[in-house]
Amino acid sequence: MHCVNTCTLADTNLFCRGLFFLLLLLSELYITFLNIYTYR
């Protein structure tokens, strides 16, 4: 991942982790939405 190489400072590392968490959350929501949409 590109973030691991660039995020050496604590602030940017935290930012990258937040961004990664946000991406995970979005994918979870997307999968849930797909499941609800298909099982209707």
C-alpha atoms as a PDB file:
ATOM      1  CA  MET A   1       0.000   0.000   0.000  1.00  0.00           C
ATOM      2  CA  HIS A   2       1.250   3.461  -0.896  1.00  0.00           C
ATOM      3  CA  CYS A   3       0.145   4.896   2.452  1.00  0.00           C
ATOM      4  CA  VAL A   4       2.547   2.768   4.486  1.00  0.00           C
ATOM      5  CA  ASN A   5       5.593   4.121   2.674  1.00  0.00           C
ATOM      6  CA  THR A   6       4.621   7.783   2.801  1.00  0.00           C
ATOM      7  CA  CYS A   7       3.116   7.989   6.279  1.00  0.00           C
ATOM      8  CA  THR A   8       6.155   8.337   8.501  1.00  0.00           C
ATOM      9  CA  LEU A   9       4.877  11.169  10.673  1.00  0.00           C
ATOM     10  CA  ALA A  10       2.323  10.485  13.396  1.00  0.00           C
ATOM     11  CA  ASP A  11      -0.229  12.893  11.917  1.00  0.00           C
ATOM     12  CA  THR A  12      -0.117  11.488   8.413  1.00  0.00           C
ATOM     13  CA  ASN A  13      -0.098   7.941   9.779  1.00  0.00           C
ATOM     14  CA  LEU A  14      -3.254   8.706  11.734  1.00  0.00           C
ATOM     15  CA  PHE A  15      -4.746  10.308   8.631  1.00  0.00           C
ATOM     16  CA  CYS A  16      -3.940   7.250   6.532  1.00  0.00           C
ATOM     17  CA  ARG A  17      -5.430   4.939   9.137  1.00  0.00           C
ATOM     18  CA  GLY A  18      -8.546   7.096   9.223  1.00  0.00           C
ATOM     19  CA  LEU A  19      -8.763   6.986   5.442  1.00  0.00           C
ATOM     20  CA  PHE A  20      -8.288   3.221   5.446  1.00  0.00           C
ATOM     21  CA  PHE A  21     -10.975   2.852   8.132  1.00  0.00           C
ATOM     22  CA  LEU A  22     -13.314   5.026   6.076  1.00  0.00           C
ATOM     23  CA  LEU A  23     -12.701   2.836   3.023  1.00  0.00           C
ATOM     24  CA  LEU A  24     -13.417  -0.278   5.064  1.00  0.00           C
ATOM     25  CA  LEU A  25     -16.616   1.253   6.400  1.00  0.00           C
ATOM     26  CA  LEU A  26     -17.726   2.239   2.897  1.00  0.00           C
ATOM     27  CA  SER A  27     -17.072  -1.245   1.545  1.00  0.00           C
ATOM     28  CA  GLU A  28     -19.012  -2.773   4.452  1.00  0.00           C
ATOM     29  CA  LEU A  29     -21.954  -0.466   3.754  1.00  0.00           C
ATOM     30  CA  TYR A  30     -21.738  -1.258   0.052  1.00  0.00           C
ATOM     31  CA  ILE A  31     -21.783  -5.020   0.676  1.00  0.00           C
ATOM     32  CA  THR A  32     -24.696  -4.670   3.089  1.00  0.00           C
ATOM     33  CA  PHE A  33     -26.585  -2.571   0.572  1.00  0.00           C
ATOM     34  CA  LEU A  34     -25.920  -5.155  -2.139  1.00  0.00           C
ATOM     35  CA  ASN A  35     -27.152  -7.965   0.111  1.00  0.00           C
ATOM     36  CA  ILE A  36     -30.341  -6.084   0.964  1.00  0.00           C
ATOM     37  CA  TYR A  37     -30.855  -5.204  -2.697  1.00  0.00           C
ATOM     38  CA  THR A  38     -30.408  -8.771  -3.930  1.00  0.00           C
ATOM     39  CA  TYR A  39     -32.534 -10.462  -1.261  1.00  0.00           C
ATOM     40  CA  ARG A  40     -35.538  -8.221  -1.854  1.00  0.00           C
END
